[in-house]
């Protein structure tokens, strides 16, 4: 059974193979790990199940994905498949090279959940941006008593086989449209509507791979 990929999967034919996401290759030498390979395998599986790749081609590309060591290796395998830009979001180095590296000049809070559980709760200060990375872990973020330093908070997720729990305050709104979901990944919104339409906004971006989930609750 075909799995749903947020942007759809469609082979691009009759044109030169594009770089993923329009990247010119400045980060081609950057190493890739389990999250990137799993997102690439999800894309290949969806493309094969929908008829865009033949069985032999799917097998050959799967072997190349498993052997990939860099972003350039993966781009060479996926370049003619639409949706491939979601496999390799902009690298942190590319984002940090922007004229304004951090919202409001405040560096992001980086949380690694690799094979562990990380919790933030109570009266803690939430920066404008958080980055959550890792595999086989859990991030438990409770914003109900937290102080949000900006009316907009961005949470960048790059996780595999992990769970992200986000507990919102009464007037917080959550936006998950920027999340790319790999195979068997999900977003469970159990938060219900906010008490106000003008409260702080929490935007989740990035990608989930390998049976990861985001669970939203309130209060």
N, C-alpha and C. Protein backbone atom coordinates (compact mmCIF):
# COMPACT_ATOMS: atom_id res chain seq x y z
N UNK A 1 0.85 -1.21 0.00
CA UNK A 1 0.00 0.00 0.00
C UNK A 1 0.88 1.24 0.00
N UNK A 2 0.55 2.21 -0.83
CA UNK A 2 1.36 3.42 -0.93
C UNK A 2 1.20 4.26 0.31
N UNK A 3 2.28 4.85 0.79
CA UNK A 3 2.20 5.73 1.93
C UNK A 3 2.12 7.17 1.42
N UNK A 4 1.49 8.02 2.19
CA UNK A 4 1.28 9.40 1.78
C UNK A 4 2.51 10.23 2.08
N UNK A 5 2.96 10.94 1.06
CA UNK A 5 4.09 11.86 1.24
C UNK A 5 3.54 13.25 1.04
N UNK A 6 3.77 14.18 1.97
CA UNK A 6 3.04 15.44 1.98
C UNK A 6 3.00 16.19 0.66
N UNK A 7 4.10 16.26 -0.05
CA UNK A 7 4.11 17.06 -1.27
C UNK A 7 3.80 16.23 -2.51
N UNK A 8 3.54 14.97 -2.33
CA UNK A 8 3.34 14.09 -3.47
C UNK A 8 4.66 13.68 -4.07
N UNK A 9 4.65 12.61 -4.82
CA UNK A 9 5.87 12.12 -5.46
C UNK A 9 5.59 11.98 -6.94
N UNK A 10 6.40 12.60 -7.74
CA UNK A 10 6.20 12.52 -9.18
C UNK A 10 7.55 12.63 -9.85
N UNK A 11 7.82 11.72 -10.76
CA UNK A 11 9.09 11.78 -11.46
C UNK A 11 9.11 12.95 -12.41
N UNK A 12 10.25 13.60 -12.52
CA UNK A 12 10.42 14.71 -13.44
C UNK A 12 11.12 14.16 -14.67
N UNK A 13 10.46 14.24 -15.82
CA UNK A 13 11.03 13.68 -17.03
C UNK A 13 11.19 14.77 -18.08
N UNK A 14 12.10 14.49 -19.03
CA UNK A 14 12.26 15.39 -20.17
C UNK A 14 13.06 16.64 -19.87
N UNK A 15 13.68 16.70 -18.66
CA UNK A 15 14.48 17.86 -18.31
C UNK A 15 15.76 17.38 -17.68
N UNK A 16 16.73 18.29 -17.62
CA UNK A 16 17.97 17.95 -16.92
C UNK A 16 17.68 17.72 -15.46
N UNK A 17 18.43 16.82 -14.84
CA UNK A 17 18.18 16.51 -13.44
C UNK A 17 18.54 17.72 -12.59
N UNK A 18 17.56 18.20 -11.76
CA UNK A 18 17.82 19.38 -10.94
C UNK A 18 18.55 19.02 -9.67
N UNK A 19 19.18 20.01 -9.07
CA UNK A 19 19.72 19.84 -7.73
C UNK A 19 18.55 19.85 -6.75
N UNK A 20 18.69 19.09 -5.66
CA UNK A 20 17.61 19.03 -4.68
C UNK A 20 17.43 20.40 -4.06
N UNK A 21 16.16 20.89 -4.08
CA UNK A 21 15.84 22.14 -3.45
C UNK A 21 16.57 23.32 -4.03
N UNK A 22 17.13 23.20 -5.24
CA UNK A 22 17.82 24.30 -5.85
C UNK A 22 19.22 24.54 -5.29
N UNK A 23 19.72 23.63 -4.43
CA UNK A 23 21.05 23.80 -3.86
C UNK A 23 22.09 23.56 -4.93
N UNK A 24 23.12 24.37 -4.96
CA UNK A 24 24.12 24.29 -6.01
C UNK A 24 25.23 23.32 -5.69
N UNK A 25 25.18 22.67 -4.54
CA UNK A 25 26.18 21.69 -4.20
C UNK A 25 27.19 22.17 -3.18
N UNK A 26 26.96 23.35 -2.55
CA UNK A 26 27.92 23.87 -1.58
C UNK A 26 28.02 22.99 -0.35
N UNK A 27 26.98 22.18 -0.09
CA UNK A 27 27.01 21.30 1.08
C UNK A 27 27.06 19.83 0.66
N UNK A 28 27.46 19.56 -0.58
CA UNK A 28 27.48 18.18 -1.07
C UNK A 28 28.40 17.28 -0.25
N UNK A 29 29.43 17.84 0.36
CA UNK A 29 30.38 17.02 1.11
C UNK A 29 29.93 16.75 2.55
N UNK A 30 28.81 17.37 2.97
CA UNK A 30 28.34 17.17 4.33
C UNK A 30 27.86 15.74 4.53
N UNK A 31 28.20 15.14 5.65
CA UNK A 31 27.84 13.76 5.94
C UNK A 31 26.34 13.64 6.19
N UNK A 32 25.79 12.48 5.84
CA UNK A 32 24.39 12.17 6.13
C UNK A 32 24.35 10.99 7.10
N UNK A 33 23.22 10.86 7.78
CA UNK A 33 23.05 9.78 8.75
C UNK A 33 21.73 9.05 8.55
N UNK A 34 21.29 8.39 9.60
CA UNK A 34 20.08 7.58 9.52
C UNK A 34 18.83 8.38 9.14
N UNK A 35 18.59 9.58 9.72
CA UNK A 35 17.37 10.31 9.34
C UNK A 35 17.29 10.61 7.85
N UNK A 36 18.41 11.07 7.24
CA UNK A 36 18.39 11.41 5.82
C UNK A 36 18.20 10.16 4.96
N UNK A 37 18.88 9.08 5.32
CA UNK A 37 18.75 7.85 4.53
C UNK A 37 17.32 7.30 4.62
N UNK A 38 16.71 7.36 5.81
CA UNK A 38 15.35 6.84 5.95
C UNK A 38 14.35 7.67 5.16
N UNK A 39 14.52 8.99 5.15
CA UNK A 39 13.63 9.83 4.34
C UNK A 39 13.81 9.51 2.85
N UNK A 40 15.06 9.25 2.43
CA UNK A 40 15.31 8.91 1.03
C UNK A 40 14.67 7.57 0.67
N UNK A 41 14.75 6.60 1.57
CA UNK A 41 14.13 5.29 1.31
C UNK A 41 12.62 5.41 1.24
N UNK A 42 12.02 6.25 2.10
CA UNK A 42 10.57 6.48 2.04
C UNK A 42 10.17 7.04 0.68
N UNK A 43 10.95 8.00 0.20
CA UNK A 43 10.65 8.61 -1.10
C UNK A 43 10.74 7.58 -2.22
N UNK A 44 11.76 6.73 -2.21
CA UNK A 44 11.90 5.70 -3.23
C UNK A 44 10.75 4.70 -3.18
N UNK A 45 10.36 4.31 -1.98
CA UNK A 45 9.26 3.35 -1.84
C UNK A 45 7.96 3.92 -2.39
N UNK A 46 7.68 5.18 -2.07
CA UNK A 46 6.46 5.81 -2.59
C UNK A 46 6.52 5.93 -4.10
N UNK A 47 7.68 6.31 -4.65
CA UNK A 47 7.82 6.45 -6.10
C UNK A 47 7.60 5.11 -6.79
N UNK A 48 8.12 4.02 -6.23
CA UNK A 48 7.95 2.69 -6.83
C UNK A 48 6.50 2.23 -6.74
N UNK A 49 5.86 2.45 -5.60
CA UNK A 49 4.48 1.99 -5.42
C UNK A 49 3.51 2.75 -6.31
N UNK A 50 3.89 3.97 -6.72
CA UNK A 50 3.01 4.77 -7.58
C UNK A 50 3.42 4.68 -9.05
N UNK A 51 4.37 3.81 -9.36
CA UNK A 51 4.70 3.54 -10.76
C UNK A 51 5.75 4.41 -11.38
N UNK A 52 6.44 5.22 -10.60
CA UNK A 52 7.45 6.11 -11.17
C UNK A 52 8.83 5.46 -11.24
N UNK A 53 9.02 4.37 -10.51
CA UNK A 53 10.26 3.61 -10.58
C UNK A 53 9.92 2.14 -10.81
N UNK A 54 10.68 1.48 -11.69
CA UNK A 54 10.51 0.05 -11.87
C UNK A 54 11.19 -0.68 -10.72
N UNK A 55 10.82 -1.95 -10.53
CA UNK A 55 11.32 -2.71 -9.40
C UNK A 55 12.85 -2.77 -9.36
N UNK A 56 13.45 -3.04 -10.53
CA UNK A 56 14.91 -3.12 -10.58
C UNK A 56 15.57 -1.79 -10.27
N UNK A 57 14.98 -0.72 -10.77
CA UNK A 57 15.53 0.61 -10.52
C UNK A 57 15.40 0.97 -9.04
N UNK A 58 14.26 0.60 -8.45
CA UNK A 58 14.06 0.85 -7.02
C UNK A 58 15.12 0.12 -6.20
N UNK A 59 15.40 -1.12 -6.54
CA UNK A 59 16.40 -1.89 -5.80
C UNK A 59 17.80 -1.27 -5.93
N UNK A 60 18.12 -0.86 -7.16
CA UNK A 60 19.45 -0.28 -7.40
C UNK A 60 19.61 1.03 -6.63
N UNK A 61 18.56 1.86 -6.64
CA UNK A 61 18.64 3.14 -5.93
C UNK A 61 18.66 2.92 -4.42
N UNK A 62 17.92 1.91 -3.94
CA UNK A 62 17.94 1.62 -2.51
C UNK A 62 19.35 1.28 -2.04
N UNK A 63 20.05 0.48 -2.82
CA UNK A 63 21.43 0.12 -2.46
C UNK A 63 22.33 1.36 -2.43
N UNK A 64 22.11 2.27 -3.36
CA UNK A 64 22.92 3.48 -3.39
C UNK A 64 22.62 4.39 -2.21
N UNK A 65 21.34 4.44 -1.80
CA UNK A 65 20.98 5.24 -0.62
C UNK A 65 21.65 4.68 0.63
N UNK A 66 21.59 3.36 0.80
CA UNK A 66 22.20 2.74 1.98
C UNK A 66 23.71 2.94 2.01
N UNK A 67 24.31 3.08 0.83
CA UNK A 67 25.76 3.27 0.77
C UNK A 67 26.15 4.75 0.81
N UNK A 68 25.17 5.65 0.73
CA UNK A 68 25.46 7.09 0.67
C UNK A 68 26.15 7.56 1.94
N UNK A 69 27.14 8.41 1.78
CA UNK A 69 27.85 8.97 2.92
C UNK A 69 27.69 10.49 3.00
N UNK A 70 27.33 11.14 1.88
CA UNK A 70 27.23 12.59 1.86
C UNK A 70 25.93 13.03 1.21
N UNK A 71 25.61 14.31 1.37
CA UNK A 71 24.43 14.88 0.72
C UNK A 71 24.53 14.78 -0.80
N UNK A 72 25.73 14.95 -1.31
CA UNK A 72 25.91 14.82 -2.76
C UNK A 72 25.56 13.42 -3.24
N UNK A 73 25.92 12.38 -2.47
CA UNK A 73 25.58 11.00 -2.83
C UNK A 73 24.07 10.84 -2.94
N UNK A 74 23.34 11.36 -1.95
CA UNK A 74 21.89 11.22 -1.97
C UNK A 74 21.25 12.03 -3.09
N UNK A 75 21.77 13.22 -3.34
CA UNK A 75 21.20 14.04 -4.41
C UNK A 75 21.31 13.33 -5.76
N UNK A 76 22.41 12.62 -5.98
CA UNK A 76 22.59 11.93 -7.26
C UNK A 76 21.55 10.83 -7.45
N UNK A 77 21.07 10.26 -6.36
CA UNK A 77 20.08 9.18 -6.43
C UNK A 77 18.66 9.72 -6.62
N UNK A 78 18.37 10.88 -6.04
CA UNK A 78 16.99 11.36 -5.94
C UNK A 78 16.66 12.53 -6.87
N UNK A 79 17.63 13.00 -7.65
CA UNK A 79 17.48 14.27 -8.35
C UNK A 79 16.29 14.34 -9.29
N UNK A 80 15.83 13.21 -9.87
CA UNK A 80 14.72 13.26 -10.82
C UNK A 80 13.38 12.91 -10.19
N UNK A 81 13.30 12.94 -8.86
CA UNK A 81 12.04 12.66 -8.17
C UNK A 81 11.54 13.93 -7.48
N UNK A 82 10.33 14.33 -7.80
CA UNK A 82 9.76 15.49 -7.14
C UNK A 82 9.51 15.14 -5.68
N UNK A 83 9.75 16.08 -4.81
CA UNK A 83 9.65 15.83 -3.38
C UNK A 83 11.00 15.55 -2.75
N UNK A 84 12.03 15.44 -3.58
CA UNK A 84 13.36 15.10 -3.06
C UNK A 84 13.94 16.22 -2.20
N UNK A 85 13.46 17.46 -2.37
CA UNK A 85 13.99 18.56 -1.56
C UNK A 85 13.65 18.38 -0.08
N UNK A 86 12.61 17.56 0.20
CA UNK A 86 12.24 17.34 1.59
C UNK A 86 13.18 16.36 2.28
N UNK A 87 13.92 15.62 1.52
CA UNK A 87 14.87 14.67 2.12
C UNK A 87 16.04 15.40 2.75
N UNK A 88 16.46 16.49 2.12
CA UNK A 88 17.63 17.23 2.58
C UNK A 88 17.27 18.70 2.79
N UNK A 89 16.69 19.05 3.95
CA UNK A 89 16.43 20.47 4.23
C UNK A 89 17.74 21.23 4.27
N UNK A 90 17.68 22.56 4.19
CA UNK A 90 18.91 23.35 4.22
C UNK A 90 19.78 22.98 5.41
N UNK A 91 21.05 22.80 5.16
CA UNK A 91 21.98 22.40 6.23
C UNK A 91 22.12 23.53 7.24
N UNK A 92 22.36 23.20 8.53
CA UNK A 92 22.53 24.25 9.54
C UNK A 92 23.58 25.27 9.15
N UNK A 93 24.68 24.83 8.53
CA UNK A 93 25.73 25.78 8.16
C UNK A 93 25.22 26.78 7.14
N UNK A 94 24.36 26.32 6.20
CA UNK A 94 23.82 27.22 5.19
C UNK A 94 22.89 28.23 5.83
N UNK A 95 22.08 27.78 6.82
CA UNK A 95 21.17 28.71 7.49
C UNK A 95 21.96 29.73 8.30
N UNK A 96 23.01 29.25 9.01
CA UNK A 96 23.77 30.15 9.86
C UNK A 96 24.55 31.17 9.05
N UNK A 97 24.78 30.87 7.75
CA UNK A 97 25.52 31.81 6.92
C UNK A 97 24.67 32.98 6.45
N UNK A 98 23.37 32.95 6.72
CA UNK A 98 22.48 34.02 6.31
C UNK A 98 22.86 35.30 7.04
N UNK A 99 22.50 36.47 6.45
CA UNK A 99 22.85 37.74 7.09
C UNK A 99 22.36 37.83 8.53
N UNK A 100 21.14 37.34 8.80
CA UNK A 100 20.62 37.30 10.17
C UNK A 100 20.55 35.84 10.56
N UNK A 101 21.50 35.40 11.36
CA UNK A 101 21.62 33.98 11.67
C UNK A 101 20.53 33.50 12.61
N UNK A 102 20.16 34.34 13.60
CA UNK A 102 19.21 33.91 14.62
C UNK A 102 18.14 34.98 14.81
N UNK A 103 16.87 34.57 15.02
CA UNK A 103 15.82 35.56 15.27
C UNK A 103 16.17 36.43 16.47
N UNK A 104 16.13 37.73 16.27
CA UNK A 104 16.40 38.64 17.36
C UNK A 104 17.82 38.58 17.88
N UNK A 105 18.73 37.93 17.13
CA UNK A 105 20.10 37.82 17.59
C UNK A 105 20.31 36.78 18.68
N UNK A 106 19.27 35.98 18.99
CA UNK A 106 19.36 34.97 20.05
C UNK A 106 19.66 33.62 19.42
N UNK A 107 20.72 32.95 19.83
CA UNK A 107 21.04 31.63 19.25
C UNK A 107 19.96 30.61 19.61
N UNK A 108 19.77 29.61 18.77
CA UNK A 108 18.73 28.60 19.04
C UNK A 108 19.11 27.70 20.21
N UNK A 109 18.11 27.15 20.85
CA UNK A 109 18.32 26.12 21.86
C UNK A 109 18.37 24.78 21.14
N UNK A 110 19.51 24.11 21.20
CA UNK A 110 19.70 22.85 20.49
C UNK A 110 19.54 21.69 21.46
N UNK A 111 18.61 20.78 21.13
CA UNK A 111 18.31 19.63 21.98
C UNK A 111 18.56 18.35 21.20
N UNK A 112 19.46 17.52 21.69
CA UNK A 112 19.71 16.21 21.08
C UNK A 112 18.96 15.15 21.86
N UNK A 113 18.11 14.38 21.15
CA UNK A 113 17.33 13.33 21.81
C UNK A 113 17.79 11.95 21.34
N UNK A 114 19.03 11.85 20.89
CA UNK A 114 19.54 10.60 20.36
C UNK A 114 19.59 9.54 21.47
N UNK A 115 18.68 8.57 21.39
CA UNK A 115 18.59 7.47 22.35
C UNK A 115 18.40 7.98 23.78
N UNK A 116 17.65 9.06 23.93
CA UNK A 116 17.40 9.58 25.28
C UNK A 116 16.12 10.39 25.28
N UNK A 117 15.67 10.80 26.48
CA UNK A 117 14.51 11.66 26.64
C UNK A 117 14.96 13.01 27.19
N UNK A 118 14.54 14.07 26.53
CA UNK A 118 14.86 15.43 26.98
C UNK A 118 13.56 16.13 27.32
N UNK A 119 13.49 16.69 28.53
CA UNK A 119 12.29 17.39 28.98
C UNK A 119 12.60 18.84 29.30
N UNK A 120 11.66 19.70 28.94
CA UNK A 120 11.70 21.10 29.35
C UNK A 120 10.29 21.45 29.84
N UNK A 121 10.21 21.98 31.05
CA UNK A 121 8.89 22.31 31.60
C UNK A 121 9.03 23.26 32.76
N UNK A 122 7.88 23.62 33.35
CA UNK A 122 7.88 24.58 34.44
C UNK A 122 8.12 25.98 33.93
N UNK A 123 8.74 26.82 34.79
CA UNK A 123 8.97 28.22 34.44
C UNK A 123 10.31 28.37 33.73
N UNK A 124 10.35 27.96 32.45
CA UNK A 124 11.58 28.08 31.68
C UNK A 124 11.41 29.11 30.57
N UNK A 125 12.52 29.65 30.11
CA UNK A 125 12.49 30.69 29.08
C UNK A 125 12.69 30.06 27.71
N UNK A 126 11.75 30.30 26.81
CA UNK A 126 11.78 29.69 25.48
C UNK A 126 12.36 30.69 24.48
N UNK A 127 13.47 30.37 23.84
CA UNK A 127 14.05 31.29 22.85
C UNK A 127 13.21 31.31 21.58
N UNK A 128 13.52 32.22 20.67
CA UNK A 128 12.74 32.30 19.42
C UNK A 128 12.84 31.04 18.57
N UNK A 129 13.90 30.25 18.73
CA UNK A 129 14.07 29.07 17.89
C UNK A 129 14.67 27.93 18.69
N UNK A 130 14.10 26.73 18.48
CA UNK A 130 14.63 25.51 19.06
C UNK A 130 14.95 24.54 17.93
N UNK A 131 16.00 23.75 18.09
CA UNK A 131 16.38 22.73 17.12
C UNK A 131 16.44 21.39 17.85
N UNK A 132 15.61 20.44 17.40
CA UNK A 132 15.56 19.12 18.03
C UNK A 132 16.04 18.10 17.01
N UNK A 133 17.08 17.34 17.36
CA UNK A 133 17.64 16.35 16.45
C UNK A 133 17.86 15.03 17.17
N UNK A 134 17.92 13.94 16.38
CA UNK A 134 18.28 12.65 16.95
C UNK A 134 17.38 11.52 16.51
N UNK A 135 17.74 10.32 16.94
CA UNK A 135 16.99 9.11 16.62
C UNK A 135 16.69 8.33 17.89
N UNK A 136 15.56 7.60 17.87
CA UNK A 136 15.18 6.71 18.95
C UNK A 136 15.06 7.44 20.28
N UNK A 137 14.53 8.67 20.26
CA UNK A 137 14.42 9.44 21.49
C UNK A 137 13.07 10.12 21.63
N UNK A 138 12.95 10.92 22.70
CA UNK A 138 11.71 11.66 22.99
C UNK A 138 12.05 13.07 23.43
N UNK A 139 11.34 14.04 22.87
CA UNK A 139 11.42 15.42 23.34
C UNK A 139 10.07 15.77 23.96
N UNK A 140 10.08 16.19 25.22
CA UNK A 140 8.85 16.53 25.95
C UNK A 140 8.95 18.01 26.32
N UNK A 141 8.26 18.85 25.55
CA UNK A 141 8.35 20.30 25.72
C UNK A 141 7.02 20.84 26.23
N UNK A 142 7.02 21.39 27.44
CA UNK A 142 5.82 21.93 28.08
C UNK A 142 5.92 23.45 28.13
N UNK A 143 5.03 24.12 27.39
CA UNK A 143 5.07 25.58 27.30
C UNK A 143 4.04 26.25 28.21
N UNK A 144 3.30 25.48 29.00
CA UNK A 144 2.17 26.06 29.72
C UNK A 144 2.61 27.12 30.74
N UNK A 145 3.73 26.93 31.40
CA UNK A 145 4.22 27.91 32.38
C UNK A 145 5.46 28.64 31.90
N UNK A 146 5.83 28.40 30.66
CA UNK A 146 7.06 28.98 30.13
C UNK A 146 6.88 30.44 29.74
N UNK A 147 8.00 31.13 29.66
CA UNK A 147 8.02 32.51 29.17
C UNK A 147 8.56 32.49 27.75
N UNK A 148 7.71 32.86 26.79
CA UNK A 148 8.12 32.92 25.40
C UNK A 148 8.73 34.29 25.13
N UNK A 149 10.00 34.32 24.73
CA UNK A 149 10.70 35.59 24.57
C UNK A 149 10.26 36.35 23.33
N UNK A 150 9.56 35.69 22.41
CA UNK A 150 9.04 36.33 21.20
C UNK A 150 7.63 35.81 20.95
N UNK A 151 6.79 36.57 20.26
CA UNK A 151 5.43 36.09 19.95
C UNK A 151 5.42 34.95 18.93
N UNK A 152 6.57 34.73 18.24
CA UNK A 152 6.70 33.63 17.29
C UNK A 152 7.86 32.75 17.72
N UNK A 153 7.58 31.46 17.91
CA UNK A 153 8.61 30.49 18.27
C UNK A 153 8.68 29.44 17.16
N UNK A 154 9.89 29.20 16.65
CA UNK A 154 10.10 28.18 15.63
C UNK A 154 10.78 26.97 16.24
N UNK A 155 10.22 25.78 15.98
CA UNK A 155 10.82 24.54 16.44
C UNK A 155 11.19 23.72 15.21
N UNK A 156 12.49 23.55 15.00
CA UNK A 156 13.02 22.83 13.84
C UNK A 156 13.29 21.39 14.25
N UNK A 157 12.59 20.43 13.63
CA UNK A 157 12.72 19.02 13.97
C UNK A 157 13.46 18.28 12.87
N UNK A 158 14.46 17.51 13.23
CA UNK A 158 15.17 16.60 12.32
C UNK A 158 15.34 15.30 13.09
N UNK A 159 14.29 14.47 13.12
CA UNK A 159 14.29 13.30 14.00
C UNK A 159 13.88 12.05 13.23
N UNK A 160 14.30 10.91 13.78
CA UNK A 160 13.97 9.62 13.20
C UNK A 160 13.60 8.66 14.33
N UNK A 161 12.51 7.88 14.13
CA UNK A 161 12.05 6.91 15.12
C UNK A 161 11.95 7.55 16.50
N UNK A 162 11.36 8.73 16.56
CA UNK A 162 11.30 9.49 17.80
C UNK A 162 9.91 10.08 18.01
N UNK A 163 9.68 10.55 19.24
CA UNK A 163 8.41 11.19 19.60
C UNK A 163 8.69 12.59 20.12
N UNK A 164 7.93 13.56 19.60
CA UNK A 164 8.02 14.93 20.09
C UNK A 164 6.67 15.30 20.70
N UNK A 165 6.67 15.57 22.01
CA UNK A 165 5.46 15.96 22.72
C UNK A 165 5.53 17.45 23.00
N UNK A 166 4.49 18.16 22.59
CA UNK A 166 4.45 19.60 22.77
C UNK A 166 3.15 19.98 23.47
N UNK A 167 3.28 20.54 24.68
CA UNK A 167 2.11 20.98 25.44
C UNK A 167 2.03 22.50 25.36
N UNK A 168 0.94 22.97 24.76
CA UNK A 168 0.76 24.40 24.49
C UNK A 168 0.06 25.10 25.64
N UNK A 169 0.33 26.41 25.74
CA UNK A 169 -0.42 27.24 26.67
C UNK A 169 -1.83 27.49 26.15
N UNK A 170 -2.68 28.05 27.00
CA UNK A 170 -4.10 28.21 26.66
C UNK A 170 -4.32 29.04 25.40
N UNK A 171 -3.48 30.07 25.18
CA UNK A 171 -3.70 30.96 24.04
C UNK A 171 -2.68 30.75 22.92
N UNK A 172 -1.92 29.66 22.98
CA UNK A 172 -0.93 29.39 21.93
C UNK A 172 -1.59 28.76 20.71
N UNK A 173 -1.14 29.16 19.53
CA UNK A 173 -1.55 28.48 18.31
C UNK A 173 -0.34 27.71 17.75
N UNK A 174 -0.62 26.58 17.11
CA UNK A 174 0.45 25.74 16.56
C UNK A 174 0.27 25.60 15.06
N UNK A 175 1.37 25.68 14.33
CA UNK A 175 1.37 25.55 12.87
C UNK A 175 2.33 24.42 12.51
N UNK A 176 1.79 23.35 11.91
CA UNK A 176 2.62 22.19 11.54
C UNK A 176 2.72 22.01 10.03
N UNK A 177 2.30 23.02 9.27
CA UNK A 177 2.30 22.90 7.81
C UNK A 177 3.69 22.74 7.23
N UNK A 178 4.70 23.21 7.94
CA UNK A 178 6.06 23.13 7.42
C UNK A 178 6.77 21.82 7.72
N UNK A 179 6.07 20.86 8.32
CA UNK A 179 6.69 19.57 8.63
C UNK A 179 6.58 18.61 7.45
N UNK A 180 7.69 17.96 7.11
CA UNK A 180 7.69 16.92 6.09
C UNK A 180 7.65 15.57 6.80
N UNK A 181 6.68 14.74 6.44
CA UNK A 181 6.49 13.45 7.11
C UNK A 181 6.96 12.30 6.23
N UNK A 182 7.86 11.50 6.76
CA UNK A 182 8.29 10.30 6.07
C UNK A 182 7.30 9.17 6.32
N UNK A 183 7.67 7.95 5.90
CA UNK A 183 6.78 6.81 6.02
C UNK A 183 6.41 6.49 7.46
N UNK A 184 5.11 6.27 7.68
CA UNK A 184 4.58 5.88 8.98
C UNK A 184 4.79 6.93 10.06
N UNK A 185 4.95 8.17 9.66
CA UNK A 185 5.06 9.27 10.62
C UNK A 185 3.71 9.96 10.76
N UNK A 186 3.51 10.67 11.87
CA UNK A 186 2.19 11.26 12.11
C UNK A 186 2.29 12.50 12.97
N UNK A 187 1.26 13.34 12.85
CA UNK A 187 1.05 14.48 13.73
C UNK A 187 -0.32 14.30 14.36
N UNK A 188 -0.36 14.21 15.68
CA UNK A 188 -1.61 14.02 16.42
C UNK A 188 -1.94 15.29 17.18
N UNK A 189 -2.98 15.97 16.72
CA UNK A 189 -3.37 17.24 17.33
C UNK A 189 -4.48 16.97 18.35
N UNK A 190 -4.11 16.93 19.61
CA UNK A 190 -5.06 16.73 20.71
C UNK A 190 -5.23 18.00 21.53
N UNK A 191 -4.76 19.11 20.96
CA UNK A 191 -4.73 20.36 21.72
C UNK A 191 -6.08 21.07 21.74
N UNK A 192 -6.85 20.96 20.67
CA UNK A 192 -8.07 21.73 20.58
C UNK A 192 -7.76 23.19 20.29
N UNK A 193 -8.79 24.02 20.11
CA UNK A 193 -8.57 25.42 19.74
C UNK A 193 -8.02 26.25 20.89
N UNK A 194 -7.26 27.30 20.57
CA UNK A 194 -6.76 28.19 21.63
C UNK A 194 -7.87 29.09 22.16
N UNK A 195 -7.61 29.69 23.33
CA UNK A 195 -8.60 30.59 23.92
C UNK A 195 -8.59 31.96 23.25
N UNK A 196 -7.53 32.24 22.48
CA UNK A 196 -7.42 33.53 21.81
C UNK A 196 -6.74 33.34 20.47
N UNK A 197 -7.16 34.14 19.50
CA UNK A 197 -6.55 34.05 18.16
C UNK A 197 -5.33 34.94 18.04
N UNK A 198 -5.00 35.69 19.08
CA UNK A 198 -3.88 36.65 19.00
C UNK A 198 -2.76 36.28 19.97
N UNK A 199 -2.75 35.06 20.45
CA UNK A 199 -1.71 34.64 21.36
C UNK A 199 -0.43 34.26 20.62
N UNK A 200 0.59 33.81 21.34
CA UNK A 200 1.86 33.40 20.72
C UNK A 200 1.64 32.28 19.71
N UNK A 201 2.49 32.28 18.69
CA UNK A 201 2.39 31.28 17.62
C UNK A 201 3.63 30.40 17.64
N UNK A 202 3.40 29.08 17.61
CA UNK A 202 4.48 28.10 17.62
C UNK A 202 4.48 27.39 16.27
N UNK A 203 5.57 27.53 15.52
CA UNK A 203 5.67 26.96 14.18
C UNK A 203 6.66 25.79 14.21
N UNK A 204 6.19 24.62 13.77
CA UNK A 204 7.05 23.44 13.68
C UNK A 204 7.47 23.24 12.23
N UNK A 205 8.78 23.09 12.02
CA UNK A 205 9.33 22.88 10.68
C UNK A 205 10.25 21.66 10.70
N UNK A 206 10.79 21.34 9.53
CA UNK A 206 11.76 20.25 9.44
C UNK A 206 11.12 18.97 8.95
N UNK A 207 11.61 17.83 9.44
CA UNK A 207 11.12 16.56 8.92
C UNK A 207 11.17 15.46 9.97
N UNK A 208 10.23 14.52 9.80
CA UNK A 208 10.15 13.33 10.63
C UNK A 208 10.41 12.12 9.74
N UNK A 209 11.14 11.14 10.25
CA UNK A 209 11.41 9.92 9.49
C UNK A 209 11.26 8.71 10.40
N UNK A 210 11.01 7.55 9.78
CA UNK A 210 11.05 6.29 10.49
C UNK A 210 10.14 6.16 11.69
N UNK A 211 8.82 6.26 11.49
CA UNK A 211 7.85 6.03 12.56
C UNK A 211 7.93 7.09 13.66
N UNK A 212 8.27 8.30 13.32
CA UNK A 212 8.27 9.38 14.29
C UNK A 212 6.88 9.99 14.41
N UNK A 213 6.64 10.69 15.52
CA UNK A 213 5.34 11.33 15.71
C UNK A 213 5.49 12.62 16.50
N UNK A 214 4.58 13.53 16.23
CA UNK A 214 4.44 14.77 17.01
C UNK A 214 3.07 14.72 17.65
N UNK A 215 3.02 14.96 18.95
CA UNK A 215 1.76 14.95 19.70
C UNK A 215 1.56 16.33 20.33
N UNK A 216 0.45 16.99 19.98
CA UNK A 216 0.13 18.31 20.50
C UNK A 216 -0.97 18.19 21.56
N UNK A 217 -0.74 18.80 22.71
CA UNK A 217 -1.75 18.88 23.77
C UNK A 217 -1.80 20.31 24.28
N UNK A 218 -2.79 20.59 25.12
CA UNK A 218 -2.93 21.94 25.64
C UNK A 218 -3.21 21.90 27.15
N UNK A 219 -2.58 22.85 27.85
CA UNK A 219 -2.88 23.04 29.27
C UNK A 219 -2.40 21.93 30.18
